[in-house]
Each structure stands twice: as C-alpha cells, then as structure tokens.
Amino acid sequence: YLERLDRLGLARTHVTQVPGTFTAQCFITTDLDDNQITAFHPGAMVHSHRNEVAHSRGVSLGIVSLYYPGLLKSMGYGDDTIGTLDSVAALLIFVAAPVLGALSDQASRRLPFLVVSTLLCVGATFLLGQSALLPAFALFVVATICFQAGLIFYDSLLPEVSTVANCGRIGGLGVCIGYTGSLLAIIVGAILLPASPQ
C-alpha cells in the first residue's frame, strides 16, 4: 500500500504503521446458490485511536459523519473521541456479524431483519442530538452497529430481488438511492442547522 501511495504521489503523513499487525482485510466466499461466508480481520484498524488527527495541522475527520463531529467539538471533544467510538462499534460488529449472517441465512424471510436494523439505526441517529453526552456516545455506537448489520441483511436480499442478468443493475440502483438519501440529509442539515465555525 505504501508503495502505491508513493507512486501516486500521495502524502503518508497521517498513515500510521503498527508493527506486528496486518492491514484490515475481508474475505467473502460465495457459492453457486449465493450463500456467503464473510471473514473480517480488523488488523491495525483496532489501533485507529493512535492516529492523533485532532493534533494534526489542517486535518479533521469527516468520514464517519458530517455533523456529529462538529457537535462533539462544540462540547470540547476532538476527533479522537469519534475514532474511539467507531473502533468500539467496529469491534462489536466484528463479533456479531457471523451470528447475524447465520440468522439471516437460516430465516425464511430476510426483509424483517433489514427493517428492524434500519429502524434502530434511524432511531438512534435521531436521538443523538437529544440526549446527554454519555447516552449520545452509546447511541452513536448503536447506530453504527445497526447500519453495518443492515448492510449484511441488504446484501443477502439481492439474490431474492434480482436475477443473474440484472443483479448488477438492481444493486447499483440500491446504492444510488442510498446516496441520494445521504445527499438529502446534508441538504436538510444545511437548511435547518445554524451556521457554525465548526
């Protein structure tokens, strides 16, 4: 990875190497009936809190969420807090993902799993700004876990709503609709939330 970054002329200033660990990796095995086994190894990702982004000049964390980091900064918390919360959520979903996948594979209907995980994610996200600090931290972890769980159930539904001939188009349409929802959330936030230096 570092050699590729160098070839592309990308700076490695904020890339941290952790001796004795591997880069995070995921292996997905799919059989002819579209049954899947996913093995995920977080590797160096469990040490993401060691990246002191908050202390780096001109750099801020904007991947996890557009507005939540700003809310935490207004309370005196830095990007390291978001990194720690996201690491906790990643560890928990790492443990839960095989169980959730097995439940989805054994169930006669998978859509209820997706509906429940979606409603929990939306509910936890909605309550983020309405709660005290520690409950808000817990809600962030719950929302992140439910979002990742929803992806497991969403992916498992694709063979049921498509054919071999159109699965690429159906999957692409789902991604498009999802990103459209994200853009709408950004627009609504820009309209409703007050301007802030954060």
Protein backbone atom coordinates (compact mmCIF):
# COMPACT_ATOMS: atom_id res chain seq x y z
CA TYR A 1 0.00 0.00 0.00
CA LEU A 2 2.75 2.44 0.87
CA GLU A 3 4.49 1.83 -2.46
CA ARG A 4 1.24 2.56 -4.29
CA LEU A 5 0.72 5.77 -2.32
CA ASP A 6 4.25 6.82 -3.24
CA ARG A 7 3.67 6.04 -6.94
CA LEU A 8 0.50 8.14 -6.90
CA GLY A 9 2.29 10.99 -5.15
CA LEU A 10 0.02 10.83 -2.09
CA ALA A 11 1.39 12.00 1.25
CA ARG A 12 1.89 9.42 4.00
CA THR A 13 1.99 11.98 6.80
CA HIS A 14 -1.07 10.63 8.57
CA VAL A 15 -0.60 6.94 7.77
CA THR A 16 0.41 5.07 10.90
CA GLN A 17 2.21 1.74 10.72
CA VAL A 18 1.62 -0.59 13.68
CA PRO A 19 4.38 -3.23 13.96
CA GLY A 20 3.17 -6.79 14.29
CA THR A 21 -0.27 -6.12 12.74
CA PHE A 22 -1.76 -6.56 9.28
CA THR A 23 -3.84 -4.16 7.22
CA ALA A 24 -7.59 -4.68 7.80
CA GLN A 25 -8.90 -7.29 5.38
CA CYS A 26 -12.14 -9.01 4.44
CA PHE A 27 -12.65 -12.34 2.66
CA ILE A 28 -16.09 -13.15 1.22
CA THR A 29 -16.73 -16.68 -0.06
CA THR A 30 -19.85 -17.15 -2.20
CA ASP A 31 -21.18 -20.47 -3.52
CA LEU A 32 -23.33 -21.04 -6.62
CA ASP A 33 -26.51 -20.60 -4.57
CA ASP A 34 -25.34 -17.15 -3.40
CA ASN A 35 -24.74 -18.29 0.18
CA GLN A 36 -21.91 -16.26 1.67
CA ILE A 37 -19.38 -16.65 4.43
CA THR A 38 -17.60 -13.44 5.42
CA ALA A 39 -14.38 -13.38 7.41
CA PHE A 40 -13.18 -9.96 8.56
CA HIS A 41 -9.89 -9.25 10.29
CA PRO A 42 -9.63 -5.68 11.66
CA GLY A 43 -5.83 -5.84 11.95
CA ALA A 44 -4.27 -2.44 12.53
CA MET A 45 -7.72 -0.84 12.45
CA VAL A 46 -8.18 -1.66 16.15
CA HIS A 47 -5.36 0.84 16.78
CA SER A 48 -7.06 3.68 14.87
CA HIS A 49 -7.19 5.75 18.06
CA ARG A 50 -3.40 6.12 17.82
CA ASN A 51 -3.80 8.44 14.83
CA GLU A 52 -3.79 11.84 16.52
CA VAL A 53 -5.83 13.54 13.81
CA ALA A 54 -7.03 16.24 16.18
CA HIS A 55 -3.43 17.39 16.72
CA SER A 56 -2.60 17.49 13.02
CA ARG A 57 -2.50 20.87 11.36
CA GLY A 58 -5.36 21.45 8.92
CA VAL A 59 -6.82 17.94 9.17
CA SER A 60 -10.21 16.93 10.52
CA LEU A 61 -12.18 13.69 10.48
CA GLY A 62 -15.16 13.89 8.11
CA ILE A 63 -15.75 10.27 7.08
CA VAL A 64 -17.88 8.92 9.91
CA SER A 65 -20.37 11.78 9.94
CA LEU A 66 -20.73 15.30 8.65
CA TYR A 67 -22.47 16.88 11.65
CA TYR A 68 -21.75 14.70 14.70
CA PRO A 69 -18.02 15.56 14.89
CA GLY A 70 -18.96 19.25 14.86
CA LEU A 71 -21.39 18.68 17.71
CA LEU A 72 -18.71 16.95 19.78
CA LYS A 73 -16.15 19.65 19.02
CA SER A 74 -18.60 22.28 20.27
CA MET A 75 -18.62 20.31 23.56
CA GLY A 76 -14.83 20.25 23.77
CA TYR A 77 -14.20 16.77 22.34
CA GLY A 78 -11.84 16.05 19.44
CA ASP A 79 -11.67 13.62 16.53
CA ASP A 80 -10.06 11.03 18.82
CA THR A 81 -13.44 10.61 20.55
CA ILE A 82 -15.15 9.74 17.27
CA GLY A 83 -12.29 7.36 16.43
CA THR A 84 -12.65 5.56 19.76
CA LEU A 85 -16.44 5.24 19.42
CA ASP A 86 -16.11 3.97 15.86
CA SER A 87 -13.49 1.43 16.96
CA VAL A 88 -15.82 0.12 19.68
CA ALA A 89 -18.63 -0.23 17.14
CA ALA A 90 -16.30 -1.98 14.66
CA LEU A 91 -15.18 -4.46 17.32
CA LEU A 92 -18.77 -5.26 18.33
CA ILE A 93 -19.96 -5.73 14.75
CA PHE A 94 -16.91 -7.90 14.11
CA VAL A 95 -18.14 -10.22 16.86
CA ALA A 96 -21.83 -10.01 15.91
CA ALA A 97 -21.55 -10.21 12.10
CA PRO A 98 -21.13 -14.04 11.85
CA VAL A 99 -24.14 -14.56 14.14
CA LEU A 100 -26.28 -12.06 12.23
CA GLY A 101 -25.26 -13.63 8.92
CA ALA A 102 -26.14 -17.11 10.16
CA LEU A 103 -29.54 -15.90 11.42
CA SER A 104 -30.23 -14.27 8.07
CA ASP A 105 -29.26 -17.43 6.17
CA GLN A 106 -31.50 -19.66 8.32
CA ALA A 107 -34.54 -17.38 8.27
CA SER A 108 -37.29 -17.92 5.70
CA ARG A 109 -37.64 -14.13 5.30
CA ARG A 110 -34.74 -11.72 5.45
CA LEU A 111 -36.58 -8.44 4.95
CA PRO A 112 -37.73 -8.15 8.61
CA PHE A 113 -34.05 -8.20 9.71
CA LEU A 114 -33.31 -5.29 7.38
CA VAL A 115 -36.38 -3.35 8.54
CA VAL A 116 -35.53 -3.76 12.23
CA SER A 117 -31.85 -2.82 11.79
CA THR A 118 -32.87 0.21 9.69
CA LEU A 119 -35.42 1.45 12.23
CA LEU A 120 -32.95 1.02 15.10
CA CYS A 121 -30.26 2.90 13.16
CA VAL A 122 -32.63 5.75 12.27
CA GLY A 123 -33.99 5.94 15.82
CA ALA A 124 -30.54 6.00 17.43
CA THR A 125 -29.35 8.64 14.95
CA PHE A 126 -32.42 10.80 15.58
CA LEU A 127 -31.82 10.74 19.34
CA LEU A 128 -28.12 11.65 19.11
CA GLY A 129 -28.70 15.37 19.47
CA GLN A 130 -31.48 14.96 22.02
CA SER A 131 -29.53 13.01 24.65
CA ALA A 132 -26.99 13.70 27.36
CA LEU A 133 -23.35 13.13 26.48
CA LEU A 134 -22.79 9.53 27.63
CA PRO A 135 -26.13 8.26 26.25
CA ALA A 136 -25.27 10.03 22.98
CA PHE A 137 -21.98 8.12 22.83
CA ALA A 138 -23.87 4.85 23.30
CA LEU A 139 -26.44 5.86 20.66
CA PHE A 140 -23.65 6.58 18.18
CA VAL A 141 -22.24 3.08 18.70
CA VAL A 142 -25.71 1.53 18.39
CA ALA A 143 -26.46 3.48 15.20
CA THR A 144 -23.14 2.43 13.65
CA ILE A 145 -23.66 -1.23 14.56
CA CYS A 146 -27.22 -1.24 13.21
CA PHE A 147 -26.06 0.40 9.98
CA GLN A 148 -23.39 -2.26 9.45
CA ALA A 149 -25.86 -5.02 10.37
CA GLY A 150 -28.29 -3.57 7.84
CA LEU A 151 -25.63 -3.93 5.14
CA ILE A 152 -25.36 -7.64 5.92
CA PHE A 153 -29.11 -8.13 5.52
CA TYR A 154 -29.26 -5.83 2.49
CA ASP A 155 -26.56 -7.78 0.65
CA SER A 156 -28.24 -11.10 1.47
CA LEU A 157 -31.51 -9.86 -0.09
CA LEU A 158 -30.02 -9.09 -3.50
CA PRO A 159 -30.45 -12.63 -4.92
CA GLU A 160 -34.13 -12.54 -3.90
CA VAL A 161 -34.94 -9.29 -5.71
CA SER A 162 -32.85 -9.79 -8.85
CA THR A 163 -31.72 -12.30 -11.42
CA VAL A 164 -28.27 -13.16 -12.71
CA ALA A 165 -28.95 -10.93 -15.70
CA ASN A 166 -29.96 -7.80 -13.77
CA CYS A 167 -28.31 -8.15 -10.33
CA GLY A 168 -25.67 -5.53 -11.21
CA ARG A 169 -28.32 -3.00 -12.25
CA ILE A 170 -30.53 -3.69 -9.22
CA GLY A 171 -27.57 -3.47 -6.83
CA GLY A 172 -26.41 -0.22 -8.46
CA LEU A 173 -29.89 1.24 -8.17
CA GLY A 174 -29.96 0.45 -4.45
CA VAL A 175 -26.60 2.18 -3.93
CA CYS A 176 -27.82 5.19 -5.93
CA ILE A 177 -30.97 5.53 -3.83
CA GLY A 178 -28.91 5.21 -0.64
CA TYR A 179 -26.53 8.01 -1.66
CA THR A 180 -29.49 10.15 -2.71
CA GLY A 181 -30.78 9.82 0.84
CA SER A 182 -27.38 10.90 2.18
CA LEU A 183 -27.38 13.99 -0.05
CA LEU A 184 -30.89 14.88 1.10
CA ALA A 185 -29.75 14.61 4.73
CA ILE A 186 -26.86 17.01 4.03
CA ILE A 187 -29.20 19.48 2.32
CA VAL A 188 -31.74 19.33 5.14
CA GLY A 189 -28.96 19.80 7.70
CA ALA A 190 -27.56 22.79 5.83
CA ILE A 191 -31.02 24.39 5.83
CA LEU A 192 -32.11 23.61 9.38
CA LEU A 193 -28.87 23.77 11.37
CA PRO A 194 -27.40 27.18 12.25
CA ALA A 195 -24.13 28.23 10.66
CA SER A 196 -21.19 27.30 12.88
CA PRO A 197 -17.41 27.73 12.67
CA GLN A 198 -17.22 24.01 13.49
